[in-house]
Every structure is written in structure tokens, then in C-alpha cells.
C-alpha atoms as a PDB file:
ATOM      1  CA  UNK A   1     -33.887  18.787 -41.183  1.00  0.00           C
ATOM      2  CA  UNK A   2     -32.058  21.949 -40.133  1.00  0.00           C
ATOM      3  CA  UNK A   3     -28.558  20.558 -40.666  1.00  0.00           C
ATOM      4  CA  UNK A   4     -27.158  19.393 -43.979  1.00  0.00           C
ATOM      5  CA  UNK A   5     -26.491  15.797 -44.937  1.00  0.00           C
ATOM      6  CA  UNK A   6     -22.770  16.605 -44.627  1.00  0.00           C
ATOM      7  CA  UNK A   7     -23.212  17.315 -40.914  1.00  0.00           C
ATOM      8  CA  UNK A   8     -24.956  13.979 -40.387  1.00  0.00           C
ATOM      9  CA  UNK A   9     -22.276  12.118 -42.341  1.00  0.00           C
ATOM     10  CA  UNK A  10     -19.617  13.884 -40.237  1.00  0.00           C
ATOM     11  CA  UNK A  11     -21.143  12.661 -36.982  1.00  0.00           C
ATOM     12  CA  UNK A  12     -21.766   9.182 -38.354  1.00  0.00           C
ATOM     13  CA  UNK A  13     -18.091   9.030 -39.378  1.00  0.00           C
ATOM     14  CA  UNK A  14     -17.181  10.045 -35.824  1.00  0.00           C
ATOM     15  CA  UNK A  15     -19.380   7.180 -34.591  1.00  0.00           C
ATOM     16  CA  UNK A  16     -17.512   4.859 -36.989  1.00  0.00           C
ATOM     17  CA  UNK A  17     -14.231   6.017 -35.415  1.00  0.00           C
ATOM     18  CA  UNK A  18     -15.701   5.015 -32.056  1.00  0.00           C
ATOM     19  CA  UNK A  19     -16.795   1.613 -33.396  1.00  0.00           C
ATOM     20  CA  UNK A  20     -13.251   0.938 -34.606  1.00  0.00           C
ATOM     21  CA  UNK A  21     -12.048   1.204 -30.985  1.00  0.00           C
ATOM     22  CA  UNK A  22     -14.177  -1.821 -30.105  1.00  0.00           C
ATOM     23  CA  UNK A  23     -12.426  -5.148 -29.596  1.00  0.00           C
ATOM     24  CA  UNK A  24     -13.979  -7.549 -32.094  1.00  0.00           C
ATOM     25  CA  UNK A  25     -15.747 -10.677 -30.922  1.00  0.00           C
ATOM     26  CA  UNK A  26     -17.538 -13.163 -33.226  1.00  0.00           C
ATOM     27  CA  UNK A  27     -20.643 -13.117 -31.012  1.00  0.00           C
ATOM     28  CA  UNK A  28     -21.413  -9.383 -31.115  1.00  0.00           C
ATOM     29  CA  UNK A  29     -21.180  -6.368 -33.403  1.00  0.00           C
ATOM     30  CA  UNK A  30     -18.757  -3.451 -33.066  1.00  0.00           C
ATOM     31  CA  UNK A  31     -20.937  -0.337 -32.940  1.00  0.00           C
ATOM     32  CA  UNK A  32     -20.188   3.321 -32.309  1.00  0.00           C
ATOM     33  CA  UNK A  33     -22.425   6.113 -31.088  1.00  0.00           C
ATOM     34  CA  UNK A  34     -22.270   9.895 -30.750  1.00  0.00           C
ATOM     35  CA  UNK A  35     -24.715  12.176 -28.908  1.00  0.00           C
ATOM     36  CA  UNK A  36     -24.937  15.774 -30.133  1.00  0.00           C
ATOM     37  CA  UNK A  37     -26.921  18.891 -29.310  1.00  0.00           C
ATOM     38  CA  UNK A  38     -27.217  22.371 -30.821  1.00  0.00           C
ATOM     39  CA  UNK A  39     -27.512  25.595 -28.873  1.00  0.00           C
ATOM     40  CA  UNK A  40     -30.169  26.633 -31.386  1.00  0.00           C
ATOM     41  CA  UNK A  41     -31.738  25.275 -34.568  1.00  0.00           C
ATOM     42  CA  UNK A  42     -29.292  27.321 -36.657  1.00  0.00           C
ATOM     43  CA  UNK A  43     -26.089  26.512 -34.770  1.00  0.00           C
ATOM     44  CA  UNK A  44     -23.620  23.735 -35.484  1.00  0.00           C
ATOM     45  CA  UNK A  45     -24.191  20.695 -33.220  1.00  0.00           C
ATOM     46  CA  UNK A  46     -21.578  19.873 -30.605  1.00  0.00           C
ATOM     47  CA  UNK A  47     -20.656  16.445 -29.289  1.00  0.00           C
ATOM     48  CA  UNK A  48     -21.909  15.749 -25.792  1.00  0.00           C
ATOM     49  CA  UNK A  49     -20.742  12.145 -25.525  1.00  0.00           C
ATOM     50  CA  UNK A  50     -19.447   9.171 -27.470  1.00  0.00           C
ATOM     51  CA  UNK A  51     -19.440   5.439 -26.891  1.00  0.00           C
ATOM     52  CA  UNK A  52     -18.647   2.111 -28.440  1.00  0.00           C
ATOM     53  CA  UNK A  53     -19.591  -1.510 -27.822  1.00  0.00           C
ATOM     54  CA  UNK A  54     -17.948  -3.105 -24.782  1.00  0.00           C
ATOM     55  CA  UNK A  55     -16.251   0.177 -23.844  1.00  0.00           C
ATOM     56  CA  UNK A  56     -17.578   0.006 -20.288  1.00  0.00           C
ATOM     57  CA  UNK A  57     -17.599  -3.177 -18.191  1.00  0.00           C
ATOM     58  CA  UNK A  58     -20.466  -5.632 -18.508  1.00  0.00           C
ATOM     59  CA  UNK A  59     -20.991  -6.505 -22.209  1.00  0.00           C
ATOM     60  CA  UNK A  60     -22.238  -2.973 -22.861  1.00  0.00           C
ATOM     61  CA  UNK A  61     -23.476  -1.443 -26.113  1.00  0.00           C
ATOM     62  CA  UNK A  62     -22.439   1.807 -27.799  1.00  0.00           C
ATOM     63  CA  UNK A  63     -25.588   3.862 -27.275  1.00  0.00           C
ATOM     64  CA  UNK A  64     -25.940   2.821 -23.625  1.00  0.00           C
ATOM     65  CA  UNK A  65     -22.273   3.687 -23.035  1.00  0.00           C
ATOM     66  CA  UNK A  66     -22.614   7.136 -24.618  1.00  0.00           C
ATOM     67  CA  UNK A  67     -25.673   7.779 -22.444  1.00  0.00           C
ATOM     68  CA  UNK A  68     -23.962   6.497 -19.272  1.00  0.00           C
ATOM     69  CA  UNK A  69     -20.927   8.705 -19.888  1.00  0.00           C
ATOM     70  CA  UNK A  70     -23.172  11.718 -20.546  1.00  0.00           C
ATOM     71  CA  UNK A  71     -25.198  11.134 -17.380  1.00  0.00           C
ATOM     72  CA  UNK A  72     -21.937  10.974 -15.378  1.00  0.00           C
ATOM     73  CA  UNK A  73     -20.987  14.540 -16.352  1.00  0.00           C
ATOM     74  CA  UNK A  74     -21.338  17.283 -13.748  1.00  0.00           C
ATOM     75  CA  UNK A  75     -23.526  20.331 -14.508  1.00  0.00           C
ATOM     76  CA  UNK A  76     -20.336  22.382 -14.960  1.00  0.00           C
ATOM     77  CA  UNK A  77     -18.967  19.855 -17.470  1.00  0.00           C
ATOM     78  CA  UNK A  78     -22.271  19.905 -19.358  1.00  0.00           C
ATOM     79  CA  UNK A  79     -22.323  23.714 -19.439  1.00  0.00           C
ATOM     80  CA  UNK A  80     -18.763  23.826 -20.782  1.00  0.00           C
ATOM     81  CA  UNK A  81     -19.655  21.323 -23.546  1.00  0.00           C
ATOM     82  CA  UNK A  82     -22.231  23.550 -25.212  1.00  0.00           C
ATOM     83  CA  UNK A  83     -21.184  27.134 -26.004  1.00  0.00           C
ATOM     84  CA  UNK A  84     -23.829  29.629 -24.906  1.00  0.00           C
ATOM     85  CA  UNK A  85     -25.769  27.078 -22.870  1.00  0.00           C
ATOM     86  CA  UNK A  86     -27.422  28.632 -19.807  1.00  0.00           C
ATOM     87  CA  UNK A  87     -25.834  27.082 -16.719  1.00  0.00           C
ATOM     88  CA  UNK A  88     -29.256  26.180 -15.318  1.00  0.00           C
ATOM     89  CA  UNK A  89     -30.018  23.853 -18.260  1.00  0.00           C
ATOM     90  CA  UNK A  90     -30.735  20.364 -16.956  1.00  0.00           C
ATOM     91  CA  UNK A  91     -29.570  17.122 -18.505  1.00  0.00           C
ATOM     92  CA  UNK A  92     -33.195  16.247 -19.299  1.00  0.00           C
ATOM     93  CA  UNK A  93     -33.590  19.555 -21.184  1.00  0.00           C
ATOM     94  CA  UNK A  94     -30.420  18.814 -23.162  1.00  0.00           C
ATOM     95  CA  UNK A  95     -31.503  15.259 -23.981  1.00  0.00           C
ATOM     96  CA  UNK A  96     -34.868  16.508 -25.258  1.00  0.00           C
ATOM     97  CA  UNK A  97     -32.913  18.547 -27.852  1.00  0.00           C
ATOM     98  CA  UNK A  98     -30.250  15.899 -28.492  1.00  0.00           C
ATOM     99  CA  UNK A  99     -29.593  13.658 -31.447  1.00  0.00           C
ATOM    100  CA  UNK A 100     -27.929  10.273 -31.241  1.00  0.00           C
ATOM    101  CA  UNK A 101     -25.922   8.776 -34.092  1.00  0.00           C
ATOM    102  CA  UNK A 102     -25.458   5.011 -34.216  1.00  0.00           C
ATOM    103  CA  UNK A 103     -23.467   3.103 -36.792  1.00  0.00           C
ATOM    104  CA  UNK A 104     -26.003   0.281 -36.511  1.00  0.00           C
ATOM    105  CA  UNK A 105     -29.693   0.232 -35.653  1.00  0.00           C
ATOM    106  CA  UNK A 106     -30.101   0.389 -31.853  1.00  0.00           C
ATOM    107  CA  UNK A 107     -30.920  -3.048 -30.495  1.00  0.00           C
ATOM    108  CA  UNK A 108     -34.406  -4.078 -29.423  1.00  0.00           C
ATOM    109  CA  UNK A 109     -33.346  -7.429 -27.937  1.00  0.00           C
ATOM    110  CA  UNK A 110     -30.319  -8.310 -25.803  1.00  0.00           C
ATOM    111  CA  UNK A 111     -29.372 -11.989 -25.582  1.00  0.00           C
ATOM    112  CA  UNK A 112     -27.447 -11.088 -22.398  1.00  0.00           C
ATOM    113  CA  UNK A 113     -30.657  -9.993 -20.693  1.00  0.00           C
ATOM    114  CA  UNK A 114     -29.498  -6.361 -20.398  1.00  0.00           C
ATOM    115  CA  UNK A 115     -31.865  -3.549 -21.379  1.00  0.00           C
ATOM    116  CA  UNK A 116     -31.977  -2.844 -25.139  1.00  0.00           C
ATOM    117  CA  UNK A 117     -30.436   0.381 -26.450  1.00  0.00           C
ATOM    118  CA  UNK A 118     -33.696   1.427 -28.104  1.00  0.00           C
ATOM    119  CA  UNK A 119     -35.309   1.411 -24.634  1.00  0.00           C
ATOM    120  CA  UNK A 120     -32.430   3.482 -23.204  1.00  0.00           C
ATOM    121  CA  UNK A 121     -32.780   6.078 -25.977  1.00  0.00           C
ATOM    122  CA  UNK A 122     -36.532   6.302 -25.393  1.00  0.00           C
ATOM    123  CA  UNK A 123     -36.104   6.576 -21.611  1.00  0.00           C
ATOM    124  CA  UNK A 124     -33.496   9.332 -22.069  1.00  0.00           C
ATOM    125  CA  UNK A 125     -35.973  11.396 -24.087  1.00  0.00           C
ATOM    126  CA  UNK A 126     -33.693  11.847 -27.095  1.00  0.00           C
ATOM    127  CA  UNK A 127     -35.587  13.400 -30.003  1.00  0.00           C
ATOM    128  CA  UNK A 128     -33.818  11.948 -33.053  1.00  0.00           C
ATOM    129  CA  UNK A 129     -31.765   8.897 -33.923  1.00  0.00           C
ATOM    130  CA  UNK A 130     -29.541   8.818 -37.015  1.00  0.00           C
ATOM    131  CA  UNK A 131     -28.673   5.276 -38.120  1.00  0.00           C
ATOM    132  CA  UNK A 132     -25.930   4.113 -40.466  1.00  0.00           C
ATOM    133  CA  UNK A 133     -27.198   0.602 -41.219  1.00  0.00           C
ATOM    134  CA  UNK A 134     -29.956  -1.738 -40.096  1.00  0.00           C
ATOM    135  CA  UNK A 135     -28.953  -4.586 -37.801  1.00  0.00           C
ATOM    136  CA  UNK A 136     -28.647  -7.805 -39.812  1.00  0.00           C
ATOM    137  CA  UNK A 137     -30.186 -10.944 -38.361  1.00  0.00           C
ATOM    138  CA  UNK A 138     -26.804 -12.503 -37.446  1.00  0.00           C
ATOM    139  CA  UNK A 139     -27.796 -12.817 -33.775  1.00  0.00           C
ATOM    140  CA  UNK A 140     -31.383 -11.568 -33.278  1.00  0.00           C
ATOM    141  CA  UNK A 141     -34.266 -10.027 -35.205  1.00  0.00           C
ATOM    142  CA  UNK A 142     -33.904  -6.327 -34.449  1.00  0.00           C
ATOM    143  CA  UNK A 143     -36.873  -3.991 -34.303  1.00  0.00           C
ATOM    144  CA  UNK A 144     -35.065  -1.063 -32.687  1.00  0.00           C
ATOM    145  CA  UNK A 145     -35.904   1.536 -35.329  1.00  0.00           C
ATOM    146  CA  UNK A 146     -39.584   0.633 -35.220  1.00  0.00           C
ATOM    147  CA  UNK A 147     -39.580   0.701 -31.414  1.00  0.00           C
ATOM    148  CA  UNK A 148     -38.051   4.202 -31.509  1.00  0.00           C
ATOM    149  CA  UNK A 149     -40.626   5.408 -34.060  1.00  0.00           C
ATOM    150  CA  UNK A 150     -43.482   3.935 -32.020  1.00  0.00           C
ATOM    151  CA  UNK A 151     -42.246   5.939 -29.005  1.00  0.00           C
ATOM    152  CA  UNK A 152     -42.132   9.202 -30.966  1.00  0.00           C
ATOM    153  CA  UNK A 153     -38.378   9.330 -31.642  1.00  0.00           C
ATOM    154  CA  UNK A 154     -37.638  10.572 -35.156  1.00  0.00           C
ATOM    155  CA  UNK A 155     -35.550   7.940 -36.978  1.00  0.00           C
ATOM    156  CA  UNK A 156     -33.323   9.037 -39.863  1.00  0.00           C
ATOM    157  CA  UNK A 157     -31.491   6.495 -42.014  1.00  0.00           C
ATOM    158  CA  UNK A 158     -28.246   8.132 -43.128  1.00  0.00           C
ATOM    159  CA  UNK A 159     -27.343   7.125 -46.681  1.00  0.00           C
ATOM    160  CA  UNK A 160     -23.828   6.563 -47.953  1.00  0.00           C
ATOM    161  CA  UNK A 161     -21.960   4.664 -45.228  1.00  0.00           C
ATOM    162  CA  UNK A 162     -23.993   1.441 -45.002  1.00  0.00           C
ATOM    163  CA  UNK A 163     -21.247  -0.888 -46.306  1.00  0.00           C
ATOM    164  CA  UNK A 164     -18.602   0.695 -44.096  1.00  0.00           C
ATOM    165  CA  UNK A 165     -20.857   0.534 -41.016  1.00  0.00           C
ATOM    166  CA  UNK A 166     -21.530  -3.149 -41.628  1.00  0.00           C
ATOM    167  CA  UNK A 167     -17.861  -3.962 -42.296  1.00  0.00           C
ATOM    168  CA  UNK A 168     -16.750  -2.257 -39.068  1.00  0.00           C
ATOM    169  CA  UNK A 169     -19.566  -3.963 -37.159  1.00  0.00           C
ATOM    170  CA  UNK A 170     -18.294  -7.350 -38.284  1.00  0.00           C
ATOM    171  CA  UNK A 171     -14.647  -6.523 -37.575  1.00  0.00           C
ATOM    172  CA  UNK A 172     -13.755  -6.394 -41.284  1.00  0.00           C
ATOM    173  CA  UNK A 173     -12.506  -2.801 -41.307  1.00  0.00           C
END
């Protein structure tokens, strides 16, 4: 890993800040997500997009919201987000170098019938997913991390914020 653990904790804490914006409901978790990219392997990552559960209309999830907001940016907005980024860089090229941080394991099953977040991350071509805590079996049996690994996405379990991620997810913090 090129970046230090401190960098990953920083972005996971930012994702926790996003999760805290979520209006709690007893039938779903409050999750936050942050998408980052670095100009180069030695440069500090910058935030491309953030999202949280139910932020956008339609019973939406954090990772899908962060991706939807990112895809809505114009090429000029994308270029201004990443210092030194060549203006001809496409969204697909950025996503192939991007990392996504999620306070909870990206879902593999949606009881609402919407597409799972793990599928959205795979379809976007994101290279790495940093996860704060595994999804407990409160609502479904989640296999999001395994689905990501099977598709070639590097999965990194960030240590140190598991209790906080779970407490926020359940509206306890």
C-alpha cells in the first residue's frame, strides 16, 4: 500500500462523517462512502465524491450515491478536482485509479430489488475498496467483500474504527 494507515483512517473518518448525515431508520443501516484518487502513486489522494445512505431519492445506498454524484460531474469539474490531472482524462480512467471507502461492507443483496453496491463498484471499475466493518446479518447475509474480490477489486479491511462504524450504522452515534 503506497499510502499510510493514517491516510486510510482519515478517509474512513470522512466516510463516517457522511454516514452521520443519514436519517436513521430501523430497517436499514446508515453508511457513508468516499471516493478518492491520486495524481500519482506518491501523491496525497484527493476526494472525488462522497455519499451516504438515502442521500438521493429512492432508498439509495452510500456507495451508489457517491458514484452517481461523481458520474454527474462535468469534465471541467473532474479536472478541477484533481491537481495536475490532464484535462483529457476520462471518468473511466479516473475510476480505474480510484479507491472507495465505505464505513460498512458494500451490500451484495438489496431487499428493495435495487442493484447491490458491490455490483456498482465492480461496474465502475474501481480498483480498491477500503471497508470499516463487515455488514452484520441484521437484514441480509452480505457477501459484498467476497463479490468484490472475485471480480478483481482489492479489498482492504481498515482496522481501528469497527465499533464506531457499527454504532453509526445502527444510529447509536
